[in-house]
PDB file of all heavy atoms in Angstrom:
ATOM      1  N   VAL A   1      13.623  -2.151  21.106  1.00  0.00           N
ATOM      2  CA  VAL A   1      12.884  -3.198  21.578  1.00  0.00           C
ATOM      3  C   VAL A   1      13.308  -4.578  20.867  1.00  0.00           C
ATOM      4  O   VAL A   1      13.240  -4.552  19.636  1.00  0.00           O
ATOM      5  CB  VAL A   1      11.341  -3.035  21.580  1.00  0.00           C
ATOM      6  CG1 VAL A   1      10.620  -4.220  22.160  1.00  0.00           C
ATOM      7  CG2 VAL A   1      11.057  -1.715  22.385  1.00  0.00           C
ATOM      8  N   SER A   2      13.590  -5.642  21.585  1.00  0.00           N
ATOM      9  CA  SER A   2      13.921  -6.797  21.045  1.00  0.00           C
ATOM     10  C   SER A   2      13.295  -7.983  21.867  1.00  0.00           C
ATOM     11  O   SER A   2      13.337  -7.967  23.113  1.00  0.00           O
ATOM     12  CB  SER A   2      15.396  -7.017  21.000  1.00  0.00           C
ATOM     13  OG  SER A   2      15.826  -8.293  20.383  1.00  0.00           O
ATOM     14  N   PRO A   3      12.749  -9.057  21.229  1.00  0.00           N
ATOM     15  CA  PRO A   3      12.603  -9.205  19.846  1.00  0.00           C
ATOM     16  C   PRO A   3      11.398  -8.427  19.173  1.00  0.00           C
ATOM     17  O   PRO A   3      10.676  -7.763  19.893  1.00  0.00           O
ATOM     18  CB  PRO A   3      12.355 -10.751  19.765  1.00  0.00           C
ATOM     19  CG  PRO A   3      11.495 -10.972  20.974  1.00  0.00           C
ATOM     20  CD  PRO A   3      12.206 -10.141  22.017  1.00  0.00           C
ATOM     21  N   ASP A   4      11.300  -8.553  17.844  1.00  0.00           N
ATOM     22  CA  ASP A   4      10.289  -7.645  17.198  1.00  0.00           C
ATOM     23  C   ASP A   4       9.043  -8.512  17.171  1.00  0.00           C
ATOM     24  O   ASP A   4       8.737  -8.947  16.010  1.00  0.00           O
ATOM     25  CB  ASP A   4      10.830  -7.227  15.787  1.00  0.00           C
ATOM     26  CG  ASP A   4      11.936  -6.241  15.917  1.00  0.00           C
ATOM     27  OD1 ASP A   4      11.785  -5.150  16.446  1.00  0.00           O
ATOM     28  OD2 ASP A   4      13.095  -6.624  15.578  1.00  0.00           O
ATOM     29  N   THR A   5       8.491  -8.706  18.250  1.00  0.00           N
ATOM     30  CA  THR A   5       7.220  -9.454  18.227  1.00  0.00           C
ATOM     31  C   THR A   5       6.005  -8.580  18.843  1.00  0.00           C
ATOM     32  O   THR A   5       6.262  -7.577  19.583  1.00  0.00           O
ATOM     33  CB  THR A   5       7.343 -10.749  19.167  1.00  0.00           C
ATOM     34  OG1 THR A   5       7.648 -10.248  20.538  1.00  0.00           O
ATOM     35  CG2 THR A   5       8.483 -11.531  18.619  1.00  0.00           C
ATOM     36  N   THR A   6       4.875  -9.104  18.686  1.00  0.00           N
ATOM     37  CA  THR A   6       3.714  -8.335  19.290  1.00  0.00           C
ATOM     38  C   THR A   6       3.795  -8.378  20.761  1.00  0.00           C
ATOM     39  O   THR A   6       3.507  -7.331  21.365  1.00  0.00           O
ATOM     40  CB  THR A   6       2.355  -9.134  18.803  1.00  0.00           C
ATOM     41  OG1 THR A   6       2.351  -9.178  17.383  1.00  0.00           O
ATOM     42  CG2 THR A   6       1.154  -8.455  19.246  1.00  0.00           C
ATOM     43  N   ALA A   7       4.178  -9.504  21.289  1.00  0.00           N
ATOM     44  CA  ALA A   7       4.214  -9.535  22.738  1.00  0.00           C
ATOM     45  C   ALA A   7       5.304  -8.655  23.331  1.00  0.00           C
ATOM     46  O   ALA A   7       5.068  -7.918  24.341  1.00  0.00           O
ATOM     47  CB  ALA A   7       4.552 -10.975  23.330  1.00  0.00           C
ATOM     48  N   ALA A   8       6.496  -8.526  22.711  1.00  0.00           N
ATOM     49  CA  ALA A   8       7.571  -7.595  23.117  1.00  0.00           C
ATOM     50  C   ALA A   8       7.082  -6.112  23.127  1.00  0.00           C
ATOM     51  O   ALA A   8       7.356  -5.360  24.029  1.00  0.00           O
ATOM     52  CB  ALA A   8       8.821  -7.899  22.381  1.00  0.00           C
ATOM     53  N   TYR A   9       6.491  -5.776  21.990  1.00  0.00           N
ATOM     54  CA  TYR A   9       5.994  -4.416  21.815  1.00  0.00           C
ATOM     55  C   TYR A   9       4.917  -4.002  22.782  1.00  0.00           C
ATOM     56  O   TYR A   9       4.982  -2.908  23.390  1.00  0.00           O
ATOM     57  CB  TYR A   9       5.468  -4.193  20.360  1.00  0.00           C
ATOM     58  CG  TYR A   9       6.443  -4.187  19.255  1.00  0.00           C
ATOM     59  CD1 TYR A   9       7.897  -4.500  19.559  1.00  0.00           C
ATOM     60  CD2 TYR A   9       6.120  -3.839  17.956  1.00  0.00           C
ATOM     61  CE1 TYR A   9       8.772  -4.419  18.449  1.00  0.00           C
ATOM     62  CE2 TYR A   9       7.165  -3.898  16.967  1.00  0.00           C
ATOM     63  CZ  TYR A   9       8.392  -4.171  17.236  1.00  0.00           C
ATOM     64  OH  TYR A   9       9.279  -4.114  16.303  1.00  0.00           O
ATOM     65  N   LYS A  10       4.113  -5.033  23.118  1.00  0.00           N
ATOM     66  CA  LYS A  10       2.998  -4.771  24.130  1.00  0.00           C
ATOM     67  C   LYS A  10       3.611  -4.449  25.505  1.00  0.00           C
ATOM     68  O   LYS A  10       3.266  -3.636  26.274  1.00  0.00           O
ATOM     69  CB  LYS A  10       2.030  -5.945  24.177  1.00  0.00           C
ATOM     70  CG  LYS A  10       1.074  -5.948  23.052  1.00  0.00           C
ATOM     71  CD  LYS A  10       0.267  -7.206  23.172  1.00  0.00           C
ATOM     72  CE  LYS A  10      -0.564  -7.433  24.381  1.00  0.00           C
ATOM     73  NZ  LYS A  10      -1.301  -8.583  24.447  1.00  0.00           N
ATOM     74  N   ALA A  11       4.728  -5.429  25.834  1.00  0.00           N
ATOM     75  CA  ALA A  11       5.345  -5.269  27.007  1.00  0.00           C
ATOM     76  C   ALA A  11       6.073  -3.757  27.235  1.00  0.00           C
ATOM     77  O   ALA A  11       6.023  -3.189  28.224  1.00  0.00           O
ATOM     78  CB  ALA A  11       6.360  -6.306  27.325  1.00  0.00           C
ATOM     79  N   ALA A  12       6.696  -3.386  26.170  1.00  0.00           N
ATOM     80  CA  ALA A  12       7.434  -2.219  26.169  1.00  0.00           C
ATOM     81  C   ALA A  12       6.540  -0.950  26.356  1.00  0.00           C
ATOM     82  O   ALA A  12       6.830  -0.035  26.907  1.00  0.00           O
ATOM     83  CB  ALA A  12       8.244  -2.007  24.830  1.00  0.00           C
ATOM     84  N   LEU A  13       5.242  -1.164  25.770  1.00  0.00           N
ATOM     85  CA  LEU A  13       4.413  -0.047  25.859  1.00  0.00           C
ATOM     86  C   LEU A  13       3.796   0.213  27.267  1.00  0.00           C
ATOM     87  O   LEU A  13       3.362   1.317  27.561  1.00  0.00           O
ATOM     88  CB  LEU A  13       3.015  -0.453  24.963  1.00  0.00           C
ATOM     89  CG  LEU A  13       3.108  -0.040  23.553  1.00  0.00           C
ATOM     90  CD1 LEU A  13       1.925  -0.636  22.827  1.00  0.00           C
ATOM     91  CD2 LEU A  13       3.139   1.481  23.357  1.00  0.00           C
ATOM     92  N   GLN A  14       4.025  -0.676  28.178  1.00  0.00           N
ATOM     93  CA  GLN A  14       3.675  -0.436  29.508  1.00  0.00           C
ATOM     94  C   GLN A  14       4.524   0.770  30.137  1.00  0.00           C
ATOM     95  O   GLN A  14       4.060   1.308  31.144  1.00  0.00           O
ATOM     96  CB  GLN A  14       3.762  -1.613  30.437  1.00  0.00           C
ATOM     97  CG  GLN A  14       3.064  -2.926  29.796  1.00  0.00           C
ATOM     98  CD  GLN A  14       1.612  -2.630  29.528  1.00  0.00           C
ATOM     99  OE1 GLN A  14       0.912  -2.195  30.340  1.00  0.00           O
ATOM    100  NE2 GLN A  14       1.287  -3.092  28.211  1.00  0.00           N
ATOM    101  N   TYR A  15       5.652   1.058  29.603  1.00  0.00           N
ATOM    102  CA  TYR A  15       6.470   1.996  30.043  1.00  0.00           C
ATOM    103  C   TYR A  15       6.374   3.363  29.397  1.00  0.00           C
ATOM    104  O   TYR A  15       6.698   4.388  29.989  1.00  0.00           O
ATOM    105  CB  TYR A  15       7.999   1.554  29.964  1.00  0.00           C
ATOM    106  CG  TYR A  15       8.246   0.202  30.718  1.00  0.00           C
ATOM    107  CD1 TYR A  15       8.229  -0.914  30.183  1.00  0.00           C
ATOM    108  CD2 TYR A  15       8.629   0.407  32.132  1.00  0.00           C
ATOM    109  CE1 TYR A  15       8.406  -2.075  30.843  1.00  0.00           C
ATOM    110  CE2 TYR A  15       8.836  -0.779  32.795  1.00  0.00           C
ATOM    111  CZ  TYR A  15       8.751  -1.975  32.298  1.00  0.00           C
ATOM    112  OH  TYR A  15       9.020  -3.168  32.995  1.00  0.00           O
ATOM    113  N   GLY A  16       5.724   3.266  28.231  1.00  0.00           N
ATOM    114  CA  GLY A  16       5.567   4.521  27.366  1.00  0.00           C
ATOM    115  C   GLY A  16       5.373   4.316  25.968  1.00  0.00           C
ATOM    116  O   GLY A  16       5.601   3.138  25.583  1.00  0.00           O
ATOM    117  N   PRO A  17       4.995   5.213  25.176  1.00  0.00           N
ATOM    118  CA  PRO A  17       4.833   4.924  23.736  1.00  0.00           C
ATOM    119  C   PRO A  17       6.193   4.676  23.088  1.00  0.00           C
ATOM    120  O   PRO A  17       7.289   4.903  23.699  1.00  0.00           O
ATOM    121  CB  PRO A  17       4.258   6.341  23.279  1.00  0.00           C
ATOM    122  CG  PRO A  17       3.645   6.943  24.407  1.00  0.00           C
ATOM    123  CD  PRO A  17       4.487   6.550  25.627  1.00  0.00           C
ATOM    124  N   LEU A  18       6.112   4.072  21.891  1.00  0.00           N
ATOM    125  CA  LEU A  18       7.301   3.725  21.114  1.00  0.00           C
ATOM    126  C   LEU A  18       7.300   4.402  19.824  1.00  0.00           C
ATOM    127  O   LEU A  18       6.262   4.751  19.170  1.00  0.00           O
ATOM    128  CB  LEU A  18       7.239   2.124  20.904  1.00  0.00           C
ATOM    129  CG  LEU A  18       6.991   1.218  22.067  1.00  0.00           C
ATOM    130  CD1 LEU A  18       6.964  -0.138  21.561  1.00  0.00           C
ATOM    131  CD2 LEU A  18       8.003   1.507  23.236  1.00  0.00           C
ATOM    132  N   ASP A  19       8.517   4.642  19.280  1.00  0.00           N
ATOM    133  CA  ASP A  19       8.820   5.121  17.987  1.00  0.00           C
ATOM    134  C   ASP A  19       9.006   3.879  17.043  1.00  0.00           C
ATOM    135  O   ASP A  19       9.894   3.049  17.341  1.00  0.00           O
ATOM    136  CB  ASP A  19       9.993   6.046  17.936  1.00  0.00           C
ATOM    137  CG  ASP A  19      10.474   6.494  16.530  1.00  0.00           C
ATOM    138  OD1 ASP A  19       9.949   6.034  15.529  1.00  0.00           O
ATOM    139  OD2 ASP A  19      11.303   7.356  16.517  1.00  0.00           O
ATOM    140  N   VAL A  20       8.024   3.721  16.090  1.00  0.00           N
ATOM    141  CA  VAL A  20       8.106   2.522  15.261  1.00  0.00           C
ATOM    142  C   VAL A  20       8.144   2.819  13.750  1.00  0.00           C
ATOM    143  O   VAL A  20       7.713   3.896  13.352  1.00  0.00           O
ATOM    144  CB  VAL A  20       6.841   1.583  15.526  1.00  0.00           C
ATOM    145  CG1 VAL A  20       6.789   1.139  16.968  1.00  0.00           C
ATOM    146  CG2 VAL A  20       5.556   2.275  15.163  1.00  0.00           C
ATOM    147  N   ALA A  21       8.746   2.001  13.041  1.00  0.00           N
ATOM    148  CA  ALA A  21       8.797   2.100  11.540  1.00  0.00           C
ATOM    149  C   ALA A  21       7.867   1.104  10.877  1.00  0.00           C
ATOM    150  O   ALA A  21       7.493   0.084  11.510  1.00  0.00           O
ATOM    151  CB  ALA A  21      10.236   1.750  11.045  1.00  0.00           C
ATOM    152  N   LEU A  22       7.364   1.508   9.752  1.00  0.00           N
ATOM    153  CA  LEU A  22       6.394   0.710   8.984  1.00  0.00           C
ATOM    154  C   LEU A  22       6.500   1.063   7.539  1.00  0.00           C
ATOM    155  O   LEU A  22       7.183   1.989   7.138  1.00  0.00           O
ATOM    156  CB  LEU A  22       4.891   0.780   9.579  1.00  0.00           C
ATOM    157  CG  LEU A  22       4.333   2.267   9.664  1.00  0.00           C
ATOM    158  CD1 LEU A  22       3.827   2.698   8.339  1.00  0.00           C
ATOM    159  CD2 LEU A  22       3.145   2.157  10.723  1.00  0.00           C
ATOM    160  N   ARG A  23       5.684   0.197   6.794  1.00  0.00           N
ATOM    161  CA  ARG A  23       5.523   0.599   5.411  1.00  0.00           C
ATOM    162  C   ARG A  23       4.206   1.194   5.062  1.00  0.00           C
ATOM    163  O   ARG A  23       3.147   0.599   5.510  1.00  0.00           O
ATOM    164  CB  ARG A  23       5.755  -0.707   4.442  1.00  0.00           C
ATOM    165  CG  ARG A  23       5.589  -0.339   2.999  1.00  0.00           C
ATOM    166  CD  ARG A  23       5.766  -1.541   2.032  1.00  0.00           C
ATOM    167  NE  ARG A  23       5.597  -1.237   0.624  1.00  0.00           N
ATOM    168  CZ  ARG A  23       6.493  -0.637  -0.176  1.00  0.00           C
ATOM    169  NH1 ARG A  23       7.786  -0.329   0.363  1.00  0.00           N
ATOM    170  NH2 ARG A  23       6.307  -0.417  -1.429  1.00  0.00           N
ATOM    171  N   ALA A  24       4.251   2.288   4.554  1.00  0.00           N
ATOM    172  CA  ALA A  24       2.922   3.003   4.175  1.00  0.00           C
ATOM    173  C   ALA A  24       2.770   2.932   2.642  1.00  0.00           C
ATOM    174  O   ALA A  24       3.380   3.654   1.907  1.00  0.00           O
ATOM    175  CB  ALA A  24       2.946   4.491   4.568  1.00  0.00           C
ATOM    176  N   PRO A  25       1.870   2.035   2.104  1.00  0.00           N
ATOM    177  CA  PRO A  25       1.493   2.127   0.702  1.00  0.00           C
ATOM    178  C   PRO A  25       0.749   3.307   0.352  1.00  0.00           C
ATOM    179  O   PRO A  25       0.277   4.133   1.344  1.00  0.00           O
ATOM    180  CB  PRO A  25       0.696   0.813   0.464  1.00  0.00           C
ATOM    181  CG  PRO A  25       0.887   0.005   1.723  1.00  0.00           C
ATOM    182  CD  PRO A  25       1.151   0.942   2.866  1.00  0.00           C
ATOM    183  N   ASP A  26       0.390   3.639  -0.914  1.00  0.00           N
ATOM    184  CA  ASP A  26      -0.384   4.762  -1.124  1.00  0.00           C
ATOM    185  C   ASP A  26      -1.875   4.705  -0.800  1.00  0.00           C
ATOM    186  O   ASP A  26      -2.555   5.695  -0.820  1.00  0.00           O
ATOM    187  CB  ASP A  26      -0.161   5.436  -2.517  1.00  0.00           C
ATOM    188  CG  ASP A  26      -0.172   4.322  -3.605  1.00  0.00           C
ATOM    189  OD1 ASP A  26      -0.194   3.122  -3.339  1.00  0.00           O
ATOM    190  OD2 ASP A  26      -0.337   4.749  -4.800  1.00  0.00           O
ATOM    191  N   ASP A  27      -2.309   3.442  -0.428  1.00  0.00           N
ATOM    192  CA  ASP A  27      -3.680   3.402   0.130  1.00  0.00           C
ATOM    193  C   ASP A  27      -3.822   4.016   1.448  1.00  0.00           C
ATOM    194  O   ASP A  27      -4.912   4.428   1.874  1.00  0.00           O
ATOM    195  CB  ASP A  27      -4.208   2.005   0.019  1.00  0.00           C
ATOM    196  CG  ASP A  27      -3.498   0.994   0.966  1.00  0.00           C
ATOM    197  OD1 ASP A  27      -2.494   1.490   1.662  1.00  0.00           O
ATOM    198  OD2 ASP A  27      -3.877  -0.155   1.003  1.00  0.00           O
ATOM    199  N   TRP A  28      -2.722   4.141   2.159  1.00  0.00           N
ATOM    200  CA  TRP A  28      -2.575   4.624   3.609  1.00  0.00           C
ATOM    201  C   TRP A  28      -3.070   6.055   3.578  1.00  0.00           C
ATOM    202  O   TRP A  28      -3.582   6.480   4.706  1.00  0.00           O
ATOM    203  CB  TRP A  28      -1.238   4.502   4.015  1.00  0.00           C
ATOM    204  CG  TRP A  28      -0.767   5.025   5.358  1.00  0.00           C
ATOM    205  CD1 TRP A  28      -0.257   6.382   5.500  1.00  0.00           C
ATOM    206  CD2 TRP A  28      -0.768   4.513   6.648  1.00  0.00           C
ATOM    207  NE1 TRP A  28       0.109   6.575   6.849  1.00  0.00           N
ATOM    208  CE2 TRP A  28      -0.215   5.456   7.533  1.00  0.00           C
ATOM    209  CE3 TRP A  28      -1.220   3.270   7.131  1.00  0.00           C
ATOM    210  CZ2 TRP A  28      -0.086   5.169   8.867  1.00  0.00           C
ATOM    211  CZ3 TRP A  28      -1.093   3.013   8.495  1.00  0.00           C
ATOM    212  CH2 TRP A  28      -0.539   3.908   9.333  1.00  0.00           C
ATOM    213  N   TYR A  29      -3.001   6.796   2.554  1.00  0.00           N
ATOM    214  CA  TYR A  29      -3.249   8.141   2.450  1.00  0.00           C
ATOM    215  C   TYR A  29      -4.846   8.454   2.484  1.00  0.00           C
ATOM    216  O   TYR A  29      -5.319   9.530   2.760  1.00  0.00           O
ATOM    217  CB  TYR A  29      -2.704   8.864   1.228  1.00  0.00           C
ATOM    218  CG  TYR A  29      -1.193   8.949   1.312  1.00  0.00           C
ATOM    219  CD1 TYR A  29      -0.456   7.803   1.116  1.00  0.00           C
ATOM    220  CD2 TYR A  29      -0.579  10.112   1.707  1.00  0.00           C
ATOM    221  CE1 TYR A  29       0.920   7.872   1.171  1.00  0.00           C
ATOM    222  CE2 TYR A  29       0.766  10.222   1.778  1.00  0.00           C
ATOM    223  CZ  TYR A  29       1.610   9.070   1.502  1.00  0.00           C
ATOM    224  OH  TYR A  29       2.935   9.204   1.612  1.00  0.00           O
ATOM    225  N   PHE A  30      -5.662   7.376   2.223  1.00  0.00           N
ATOM    226  CA  PHE A  30      -7.063   7.384   2.271  1.00  0.00           C
ATOM    227  C   PHE A  30      -7.688   6.858   3.505  1.00  0.00           C
ATOM    228  O   PHE A  30      -8.923   6.771   3.597  1.00  0.00           O
ATOM    229  CB  PHE A  30      -7.635   6.623   1.074  1.00  0.00           C
ATOM    230  CG  PHE A  30      -7.264   7.265  -0.274  1.00  0.00           C
ATOM    231  CD1 PHE A  30      -6.052   6.858  -0.945  1.00  0.00           C
ATOM    232  CD2 PHE A  30      -8.050   8.138  -0.888  1.00  0.00           C
ATOM    233  CE1 PHE A  30      -5.750   7.400  -2.148  1.00  0.00           C
ATOM    234  CE2 PHE A  30      -7.689   8.676  -2.166  1.00  0.00           C
ATOM    235  CZ  PHE A  30      -6.557   8.363  -2.687  1.00  0.00           C
ATOM    236  N   TYR A  31      -6.828   6.552   4.597  1.00  0.00           N
ATOM    237  CA  TYR A  31      -7.314   5.887   5.717  1.00  0.00           C
ATOM    238  C   TYR A  31      -8.235   6.935   6.522  1.00  0.00           C
ATOM    239  O   TYR A  31      -7.721   7.967   6.843  1.00  0.00           O
ATOM    240  CB  TYR A  31      -6.195   5.371   6.557  1.00  0.00           C
ATOM    241  CG  TYR A  31      -6.666   4.957   7.948  1.00  0.00           C
ATOM    242  CD1 TYR A  31      -7.136   3.600   8.084  1.00  0.00           C
ATOM    243  CD2 TYR A  31      -6.615   5.787   9.042  1.00  0.00           C
ATOM    244  CE1 TYR A  31      -7.618   3.285   9.423  1.00  0.00           C
ATOM    245  CE2 TYR A  31      -6.892   5.338  10.327  1.00  0.00           C
ATOM    246  CZ  TYR A  31      -7.549   4.119  10.389  1.00  0.00           C
ATOM    247  OH  TYR A  31      -7.911   3.712  11.758  1.00  0.00           O
ATOM    248  N   LYS A  32      -9.377   6.517   6.856  1.00  0.00           N
ATOM    249  CA  LYS A  32     -10.265   7.317   7.755  1.00  0.00           C
ATOM    250  C   LYS A  32     -10.518   6.689   9.165  1.00  0.00           C
ATOM    251  O   LYS A  32     -10.544   7.393  10.143  1.00  0.00           O
ATOM    252  CB  LYS A  32     -11.642   7.562   7.047  1.00  0.00           C
ATOM    253  CG  LYS A  32     -11.550   8.353   5.784  1.00  0.00           C
ATOM    254  CD  LYS A  32     -11.253   9.899   6.033  1.00  0.00           C
ATOM    255  CE  LYS A  32     -12.472  10.481   6.600  1.00  0.00           C
ATOM    256  NZ  LYS A  32     -12.298  12.052   6.785  1.00  0.00           N
ATOM    257  N   SER A  33     -10.869   5.452   9.133  1.00  0.00           N
ATOM    258  CA  SER A  33     -11.118   4.762  10.458  1.00  0.00           C
ATOM    259  C   SER A  33     -10.994   3.229  10.236  1.00  0.00           C
ATOM    260  O   SER A  33     -10.860   2.811   9.062  1.00  0.00           O
ATOM    261  CB  SER A  33     -12.586   5.219  10.889  1.00  0.00           C
ATOM    262  OG  SER A  33     -13.548   4.716   9.913  1.00  0.00           O
ATOM    263  N   GLY A  34     -11.279   2.519  11.256  1.00  0.00           N
ATOM    264  CA  GLY A  34     -11.281   1.082  11.238  1.00  0.00           C
ATOM    265  C   GLY A  34      -9.940   0.585  11.521  1.00  0.00           C
ATOM    266  O   GLY A  34      -9.000   1.376  11.910  1.00  0.00           O
ATOM    267  N   VAL A  35      -9.656  -0.764  11.304  1.00  0.00           N
ATOM    268  CA  VAL A  35      -8.383  -1.303  11.508  1.00  0.00           C
ATOM    269  C   VAL A  35      -7.608  -1.450  10.068  1.00  0.00           C
ATOM    270  O   VAL A  35      -7.920  -2.399   9.347  1.00  0.00           O
ATOM    271  CB  VAL A  35      -8.466  -2.653  12.153  1.00  0.00           C
ATOM    272  CG1 VAL A  35      -7.047  -3.339  12.385  1.00  0.00           C
ATOM    273  CG2 VAL A  35      -9.199  -2.541  13.490  1.00  0.00           C
ATOM    274  N   TYR A  36      -6.595  -0.679   9.957  1.00  0.00           N
ATOM    275  CA  TYR A  36      -5.857  -0.703   8.686  1.00  0.00           C
ATOM    276  C   TYR A  36      -5.048  -1.961   8.487  1.00  0.00           C
ATOM    277  O   TYR A  36      -4.324  -2.283   9.335  1.00  0.00           O
ATOM    278  CB  TYR A  36      -4.995   0.535   8.610  1.00  0.00           C
ATOM    279  CG  TYR A  36      -4.078   0.555   7.352  1.00  0.00           C
ATOM    280  CD1 TYR A  36      -4.606   1.035   6.111  1.00  0.00           C
ATOM    281  CD2 TYR A  36      -2.780   0.048   7.373  1.00  0.00           C
ATOM    282  CE1 TYR A  36      -3.836   0.955   5.055  1.00  0.00           C
ATOM    283  CE2 TYR A  36      -1.935   0.079   6.255  1.00  0.00           C
ATOM    284  CZ  TYR A  36      -2.542   0.436   5.009  1.00  0.00           C
ATOM    285  OH  TYR A  36      -1.740   0.467   3.861  1.00  0.00           O
ATOM    286  N   SER A  37      -5.134  -2.387   7.234  1.00  0.00           N
ATOM    287  CA  SER A  37      -4.188  -3.344   6.617  1.00  0.00           C
ATOM    288  C   SER A  37      -3.964  -3.054   5.287  1.00  0.00           C
ATOM    289  O   SER A  37      -5.046  -2.592   4.567  1.00  0.00           O
ATOM    290  CB  SER A  37      -4.708  -4.836   6.807  1.00  0.00           C
ATOM    291  OG  SER A  37      -5.877  -4.983   6.273  1.00  0.00           O
ATOM    292  N   PRO A  38      -2.871  -3.224   4.581  1.00  0.00           N
ATOM    293  CA  PRO A  38      -2.701  -2.707   3.222  1.00  0.00           C
ATOM    294  C   PRO A  38      -3.466  -3.559   2.256  1.00  0.00           C
ATOM    295  O   PRO A  38      -3.535  -4.899   2.454  1.00  0.00           O
ATOM    296  CB  PRO A  38      -1.098  -2.881   3.028  1.00  0.00           C
ATOM    297  CG  PRO A  38      -0.789  -3.888   4.040  1.00  0.00           C
ATOM    298  CD  PRO A  38      -1.612  -3.691   5.265  1.00  0.00           C
ATOM    299  N   VAL A  39      -4.210  -2.875   1.340  1.00  0.00           N
ATOM    300  CA  VAL A  39      -5.022  -3.717   0.433  1.00  0.00           C
ATOM    301  C   VAL A  39      -4.586  -3.462  -1.063  1.00  0.00           C
ATOM    302  O   VAL A  39      -4.894  -4.301  -1.916  1.00  0.00           O
ATOM    303  CB  VAL A  39      -6.519  -3.327   0.556  1.00  0.00           C
ATOM    304  CG1 VAL A  39      -6.983  -3.705   1.937  1.00  0.00           C
ATOM    305  CG2 VAL A  39      -6.737  -1.820   0.331  1.00  0.00           C
ATOM    306  N   ILE A  40      -3.869  -2.360  -1.313  1.00  0.00           N
ATOM    307  CA  ILE A  40      -3.457  -2.097  -2.683  1.00  0.00           C
ATOM    308  C   ILE A  40      -2.409  -0.987  -2.765  1.00  0.00           C
ATOM    309  O   ILE A  40      -2.320  -0.238  -1.880  1.00  0.00           O
ATOM    310  CB  ILE A  40      -4.828  -1.542  -3.587  1.00  0.00           C
ATOM    311  CG1 ILE A  40      -4.476  -1.395  -5.001  1.00  0.00           C
ATOM    312  CG2 ILE A  40      -5.260  -0.184  -2.996  1.00  0.00           C
ATOM    313  CD1 ILE A  40      -5.700  -1.201  -5.903  1.00  0.00           C
ATOM    314  N   GLU A  41      -1.655  -1.220  -3.724  1.00  0.00           N
ATOM    315  CA  GLU A  41      -0.526  -0.240  -3.943  1.00  0.00           C
ATOM    316  C   GLU A  41      -0.236   0.008  -5.446  1.00  0.00           C
ATOM    317  O   GLU A  41      -0.302  -1.046  -6.209  1.00  0.00           O
ATOM    318  CB  GLU A  41       0.764  -0.874  -3.238  1.00  0.00           C
ATOM    319  CG  GLU A  41       2.044   0.025  -3.302  1.00  0.00           C
ATOM    320  CD  GLU A  41       3.105  -0.634  -2.505  1.00  0.00           C
ATOM    321  OE1 GLU A  41       2.994  -0.878  -1.318  1.00  0.00           O
ATOM    322  OE2 GLU A  41       4.173  -0.848  -3.136  1.00  0.00           O
TER     323      GLU A  41
END
């Protein structure tokens, strides 16, 4: 998907799920609920 923008990803999702890459800090392992954003590493 190009460009790598929120709008482009949303448009692509209308056709099906996407395989995406991200950075998972070690706080990610404690995620239970809510809207995740990295807070500590």
